[in-house]
N, C-alpha and C. Protein backbone atom coordinates (compact mmCIF):
# COMPACT_ATOMS: atom_id res chain seq x y z
N MET A 1 -2.36 8.92 -9.25
CA MET A 1 -3.03 8.97 -7.81
C MET A 1 -3.26 7.53 -7.46
N ALA A 2 -2.99 7.31 -6.19
CA ALA A 2 -3.18 5.95 -5.56
C ALA A 2 -4.65 5.56 -5.70
N GLN A 3 -4.86 4.31 -5.83
CA GLN A 3 -6.29 3.78 -5.82
C GLN A 3 -6.65 3.68 -4.43
N VAL A 4 -7.94 3.76 -4.22
CA VAL A 4 -8.64 3.57 -2.91
C VAL A 4 -8.90 2.01 -2.82
N ILE A 5 -8.31 1.56 -1.79
CA ILE A 5 -8.44 -0.02 -1.47
C ILE A 5 -9.53 -0.11 -0.40
N THR A 6 -10.48 -1.08 -0.70
CA THR A 6 -11.50 -1.37 0.22
C THR A 6 -11.77 -2.81 0.30
N LYS A 7 -12.66 -3.30 1.24
CA LYS A 7 -12.90 -4.70 1.30
C LYS A 7 -13.62 -5.08 0.10
N ASP A 8 -14.38 -4.19 -0.47
CA ASP A 8 -15.07 -4.53 -1.75
C ASP A 8 -14.15 -4.83 -2.96
N ASN A 9 -12.99 -4.20 -3.05
CA ASN A 9 -12.22 -4.32 -4.36
C ASN A 9 -10.86 -5.01 -4.01
N LEU A 10 -10.44 -5.23 -2.83
CA LEU A 10 -9.07 -5.83 -2.55
C LEU A 10 -8.97 -7.23 -3.34
N GLN A 11 -9.75 -8.00 -3.30
CA GLN A 11 -9.59 -9.30 -3.88
C GLN A 11 -9.42 -9.21 -5.33
N GLU A 12 -10.21 -8.37 -6.02
CA GLU A 12 -10.00 -8.20 -7.54
C GLU A 12 -8.67 -7.64 -7.79
N LEU A 13 -8.19 -6.66 -7.02
CA LEU A 13 -6.84 -6.15 -7.27
C LEU A 13 -5.83 -7.21 -7.04
N LEU A 14 -5.87 -8.03 -6.05
CA LEU A 14 -4.93 -9.13 -5.75
C LEU A 14 -4.98 -9.97 -6.92
N ASP A 15 -6.00 -10.29 -7.57
CA ASP A 15 -6.27 -11.25 -8.77
C ASP A 15 -5.86 -10.64 -10.05
N SER A 16 -5.34 -9.51 -10.01
CA SER A 16 -5.00 -8.75 -11.26
C SER A 16 -3.71 -9.44 -11.99
N GLY A 17 -3.05 -10.02 -11.20
CA GLY A 17 -1.62 -10.48 -11.79
C GLY A 17 -0.52 -9.56 -11.50
N LYS A 18 -0.77 -8.36 -11.19
CA LYS A 18 0.25 -7.44 -10.84
C LYS A 18 0.65 -7.33 -9.42
N PRO A 19 1.79 -6.97 -9.15
CA PRO A 19 2.04 -6.75 -7.70
C PRO A 19 1.24 -5.63 -7.10
N VAL A 20 0.84 -5.68 -5.90
CA VAL A 20 -0.05 -4.69 -5.27
C VAL A 20 0.79 -4.15 -4.14
N VAL A 21 0.76 -2.82 -4.00
CA VAL A 21 1.39 -2.08 -2.76
C VAL A 21 0.05 -1.40 -2.12
N VAL A 22 0.06 -1.66 -0.78
CA VAL A 22 -1.05 -1.09 -0.08
C VAL A 22 -0.57 -0.33 1.15
N ASP A 23 -0.85 0.92 1.13
CA ASP A 23 -0.41 1.92 2.16
C ASP A 23 -1.62 1.93 3.20
N PHE A 24 -1.44 1.44 4.35
CA PHE A 24 -2.38 1.52 5.40
C PHE A 24 -2.26 2.77 6.15
N TRP A 25 -3.31 3.67 6.31
CA TRP A 25 -3.21 4.92 6.86
C TRP A 25 -4.57 5.36 7.52
N ALA A 26 -4.37 6.50 8.26
CA ALA A 26 -5.64 7.13 8.85
C ALA A 26 -5.55 8.52 8.69
N GLU A 27 -6.56 9.22 8.71
CA GLU A 27 -6.68 10.60 8.57
C GLU A 27 -5.97 11.39 9.70
N TRP A 28 -5.97 10.91 10.93
CA TRP A 28 -5.46 11.52 12.12
C TRP A 28 -3.93 11.25 12.26
N CYS A 29 -3.42 10.47 11.38
CA CYS A 29 -2.08 10.14 11.56
C CYS A 29 -1.08 11.12 10.71
N SER A 30 -0.31 11.87 11.41
CA SER A 30 0.66 12.83 10.69
C SER A 30 1.71 12.17 9.79
N PRO A 31 2.31 11.10 10.30
CA PRO A 31 3.26 10.45 9.16
C PRO A 31 2.66 9.74 8.12
N CYS A 32 1.27 9.45 8.26
CA CYS A 32 0.65 8.89 7.16
C CYS A 32 0.36 9.97 6.04
N ARG A 33 0.06 11.20 6.57
CA ARG A 33 -0.22 12.25 5.73
C ARG A 33 1.10 12.80 4.92
N MET A 34 2.18 12.72 5.63
CA MET A 34 3.54 12.95 5.03
C MET A 34 3.73 11.94 3.91
N MET A 35 3.41 10.56 4.11
CA MET A 35 3.70 9.73 3.06
C MET A 35 2.77 9.66 1.90
N ALA A 36 1.47 10.34 2.08
CA ALA A 36 0.53 10.34 1.00
C ALA A 36 1.03 10.80 -0.31
N PRO A 37 1.80 12.05 -0.47
CA PRO A 37 2.16 12.46 -1.75
C PRO A 37 3.28 11.49 -2.37
N VAL A 38 4.05 10.81 -1.52
CA VAL A 38 5.07 9.83 -1.94
C VAL A 38 4.47 8.64 -2.58
N VAL A 39 3.28 8.12 -1.99
CA VAL A 39 2.62 6.92 -2.49
C VAL A 39 1.84 7.34 -3.75
N ASP A 40 1.30 8.53 -3.91
CA ASP A 40 0.66 9.05 -5.09
C ASP A 40 1.68 9.08 -6.26
N GLU A 41 3.01 9.62 -6.06
CA GLU A 41 3.97 9.60 -7.01
C GLU A 41 4.36 8.24 -7.52
N LEU A 42 4.46 7.30 -6.60
CA LEU A 42 4.69 6.05 -7.06
C LEU A 42 3.63 5.48 -7.86
N ALA A 43 2.39 5.59 -7.49
CA ALA A 43 1.33 5.10 -8.21
C ALA A 43 1.35 5.60 -9.61
N GLU A 44 1.73 6.94 -9.86
CA GLU A 44 1.85 7.35 -11.30
C GLU A 44 3.01 6.73 -11.98
N GLU A 45 4.12 6.73 -11.39
CA GLU A 45 5.39 6.05 -11.92
C GLU A 45 5.29 4.71 -12.40
N TYR A 46 4.63 4.02 -11.57
CA TYR A 46 4.58 2.49 -11.67
C TYR A 46 3.21 2.06 -12.25
N ALA A 47 2.37 2.98 -12.73
CA ALA A 47 0.93 2.69 -12.99
C ALA A 47 0.90 1.40 -14.00
N ASP A 48 1.76 1.26 -14.92
CA ASP A 48 1.76 0.09 -15.87
C ASP A 48 2.20 -1.19 -15.18
N LYS A 49 2.96 -1.21 -14.15
CA LYS A 49 3.57 -2.25 -13.65
C LYS A 49 3.01 -2.82 -12.37
N ALA A 50 2.37 -2.15 -11.53
CA ALA A 50 1.87 -2.42 -10.27
C ALA A 50 0.59 -1.65 -9.91
N ILE A 51 -0.17 -2.22 -9.00
CA ILE A 51 -1.12 -1.49 -8.33
C ILE A 51 -0.82 -0.95 -7.17
N ILE A 52 -0.99 0.42 -7.08
CA ILE A 52 -0.66 1.05 -5.77
C ILE A 52 -1.77 1.69 -5.17
N GLY A 53 -2.08 1.47 -4.02
CA GLY A 53 -3.34 1.98 -3.42
C GLY A 53 -3.25 2.27 -1.92
N LYS A 54 -4.17 3.05 -1.34
CA LYS A 54 -4.32 3.35 0.02
C LYS A 54 -5.48 2.70 0.65
N CYS A 55 -5.35 2.20 1.86
CA CYS A 55 -6.45 1.71 2.59
C CYS A 55 -6.68 2.31 3.99
N ASP A 56 -7.80 3.10 4.13
CA ASP A 56 -7.94 3.81 5.40
C ASP A 56 -8.47 2.67 6.44
N ILE A 57 -7.60 2.65 7.41
CA ILE A 57 -7.90 1.49 8.42
C ILE A 57 -9.17 1.86 9.32
N GLU A 58 -9.54 3.09 9.33
CA GLU A 58 -10.82 3.46 10.07
C GLU A 58 -11.90 2.91 9.32
N GLU A 59 -12.03 2.93 7.89
CA GLU A 59 -13.04 2.45 7.18
C GLU A 59 -13.01 1.06 6.75
N ASN A 60 -11.82 0.42 6.87
CA ASN A 60 -11.65 -0.96 6.37
C ASN A 60 -10.84 -1.85 7.57
N ASP A 61 -11.38 -1.75 8.73
CA ASP A 61 -10.65 -2.36 9.75
C ASP A 61 -10.55 -3.92 9.57
N SER A 62 -11.36 -4.53 8.79
CA SER A 62 -11.29 -5.93 8.50
C SER A 62 -10.02 -6.25 7.65
N ILE A 63 -9.53 -5.28 6.82
CA ILE A 63 -8.41 -5.51 6.05
C ILE A 63 -7.19 -5.37 7.04
N ALA A 64 -7.22 -4.31 7.79
CA ALA A 64 -6.15 -4.18 8.70
C ALA A 64 -5.94 -5.28 9.58
N ILE A 65 -6.98 -6.01 9.96
CA ILE A 65 -6.97 -6.99 10.85
C ILE A 65 -6.33 -8.15 10.27
N LYS A 66 -6.82 -8.37 8.94
CA LYS A 66 -6.42 -9.67 8.09
C LYS A 66 -4.91 -9.54 7.94
N TYR A 67 -4.26 -8.47 7.80
CA TYR A 67 -2.87 -8.27 7.57
C TYR A 67 -1.93 -7.95 8.72
N ALA A 68 -2.65 -7.98 9.93
CA ALA A 68 -2.12 -7.68 11.20
C ALA A 68 -1.36 -6.26 11.24
N ILE A 69 -2.00 -5.28 10.84
CA ILE A 69 -1.55 -3.89 10.78
C ILE A 69 -1.53 -3.44 12.35
N ARG A 70 -0.39 -3.09 12.86
CA ARG A 70 -0.45 -2.77 14.28
C ARG A 70 0.01 -1.29 14.33
N ASN A 71 0.80 -0.81 13.35
CA ASN A 71 1.25 0.55 13.42
C ASN A 71 0.98 1.18 12.06
N ILE A 72 0.79 2.55 12.04
CA ILE A 72 0.62 3.10 10.67
C ILE A 72 1.52 4.39 10.69
N PRO A 73 1.97 4.72 9.39
CA PRO A 73 1.72 4.00 8.10
C PRO A 73 2.43 2.71 8.14
N THR A 74 1.69 1.65 7.46
CA THR A 74 2.50 0.41 7.10
C THR A 74 2.11 0.24 5.70
N ILE A 75 3.10 -0.07 4.90
CA ILE A 75 2.95 -0.29 3.51
C ILE A 75 3.33 -1.83 3.22
N LEU A 76 2.42 -2.52 2.60
CA LEU A 76 2.62 -3.83 2.23
C LEU A 76 2.89 -4.13 0.75
N PHE A 77 3.81 -4.93 0.48
CA PHE A 77 4.13 -5.33 -0.92
C PHE A 77 3.67 -6.71 -1.16
N ILE A 78 2.70 -6.90 -2.04
CA ILE A 78 2.16 -8.16 -2.19
C ILE A 78 2.26 -8.61 -3.56
N LYS A 79 2.83 -9.85 -3.81
CA LYS A 79 2.98 -10.36 -5.11
C LYS A 79 2.33 -12.02 -5.02
N ASN A 80 1.58 -12.11 -6.04
CA ASN A 80 0.86 -13.46 -6.16
C ASN A 80 0.00 -13.74 -4.93
N GLY A 81 -0.69 -12.66 -4.28
CA GLY A 81 -1.41 -12.85 -3.12
C GLY A 81 -0.79 -12.95 -1.91
N GLU A 82 0.60 -12.89 -1.85
CA GLU A 82 1.42 -13.14 -0.66
C GLU A 82 2.11 -11.81 -0.33
N VAL A 83 2.11 -11.45 0.99
CA VAL A 83 2.99 -10.36 1.45
C VAL A 83 4.40 -10.78 1.37
N VAL A 84 5.20 -9.96 0.56
CA VAL A 84 6.60 -10.40 0.43
C VAL A 84 7.55 -9.43 1.08
N ASP A 85 6.96 -8.30 1.45
CA ASP A 85 7.82 -7.25 2.14
C ASP A 85 6.91 -6.24 2.82
N ARG A 86 7.46 -5.35 3.65
CA ARG A 86 6.58 -4.37 4.38
C ARG A 86 7.49 -3.27 4.87
N GLN A 87 6.96 -2.07 4.95
CA GLN A 87 7.60 -0.89 5.50
C GLN A 87 6.74 -0.29 6.53
N VAL A 88 7.19 -0.25 7.75
CA VAL A 88 6.46 0.36 8.94
C VAL A 88 7.03 1.73 9.19
N GLY A 89 6.29 2.82 9.20
CA GLY A 89 6.71 4.05 9.50
C GLY A 89 7.00 4.80 8.21
N ALA A 90 7.27 6.16 8.35
CA ALA A 90 7.58 6.97 7.27
C ALA A 90 8.96 6.68 6.69
N CYS A 91 9.16 6.88 5.44
CA CYS A 91 10.52 6.68 4.87
C CYS A 91 10.63 7.40 3.57
N PRO A 92 11.95 7.49 2.96
CA PRO A 92 11.99 8.19 1.73
C PRO A 92 11.55 7.28 0.64
N LYS A 93 11.02 8.08 -0.42
CA LYS A 93 10.50 7.41 -1.63
C LYS A 93 11.38 6.37 -2.15
N SER A 94 12.68 6.56 -2.08
CA SER A 94 13.74 5.67 -2.62
C SER A 94 13.69 4.31 -1.98
N VAL A 95 13.22 4.22 -0.78
CA VAL A 95 13.14 2.96 0.03
C VAL A 95 11.96 2.16 -0.54
N LEU A 96 10.81 2.79 -0.74
CA LEU A 96 9.53 2.14 -1.30
C LEU A 96 9.85 1.71 -2.73
N ALA A 97 10.52 2.68 -3.63
CA ALA A 97 10.82 2.28 -5.00
C ALA A 97 11.76 1.14 -4.94
N GLU A 98 12.73 1.00 -4.11
CA GLU A 98 13.61 -0.11 -4.19
C GLU A 98 12.88 -1.49 -3.80
N LYS A 99 11.94 -1.39 -2.89
CA LYS A 99 11.26 -2.51 -2.39
C LYS A 99 10.27 -3.00 -3.55
N LEU A 100 9.56 -2.03 -4.33
CA LEU A 100 8.84 -2.29 -5.38
C LEU A 100 9.44 -2.92 -6.56
N THR A 101 10.66 -2.33 -6.86
CA THR A 101 11.44 -2.90 -8.02
C THR A 101 11.85 -4.30 -7.83
N LYS A 102 12.07 -4.71 -6.56
CA LYS A 102 12.47 -6.10 -6.27
C LYS A 102 11.38 -7.18 -6.56
N ILE A 103 10.13 -6.60 -6.48
CA ILE A 103 9.00 -7.63 -6.75
C ILE A 103 8.44 -7.56 -8.11
N LEU A 104 9.00 -6.60 -8.92
CA LEU A 104 8.47 -6.52 -10.33
C LEU A 104 9.00 -7.63 -11.15
């Protein structure tokens, strides 16, 4: 299952040395709810290689502002503290897996 990312734990996760994938979502967003099981599957499959989590923009608007999240779902791929890729909108699991594999 994907880790819950908040303003309280984000920096610790970024400092882990592992790539971090953040799914920005909201409860009212239908495409976000469609992506939720996909993100959870990736979190299980890549548990040893990357940190994969979800950030509710309603509860963590400061993080959404920091990363200029304008549309949801938006999934950021972060390596060494820098955003190296992003996916805006719903997509197949294979697209996310390919982007994640590139940063491992």
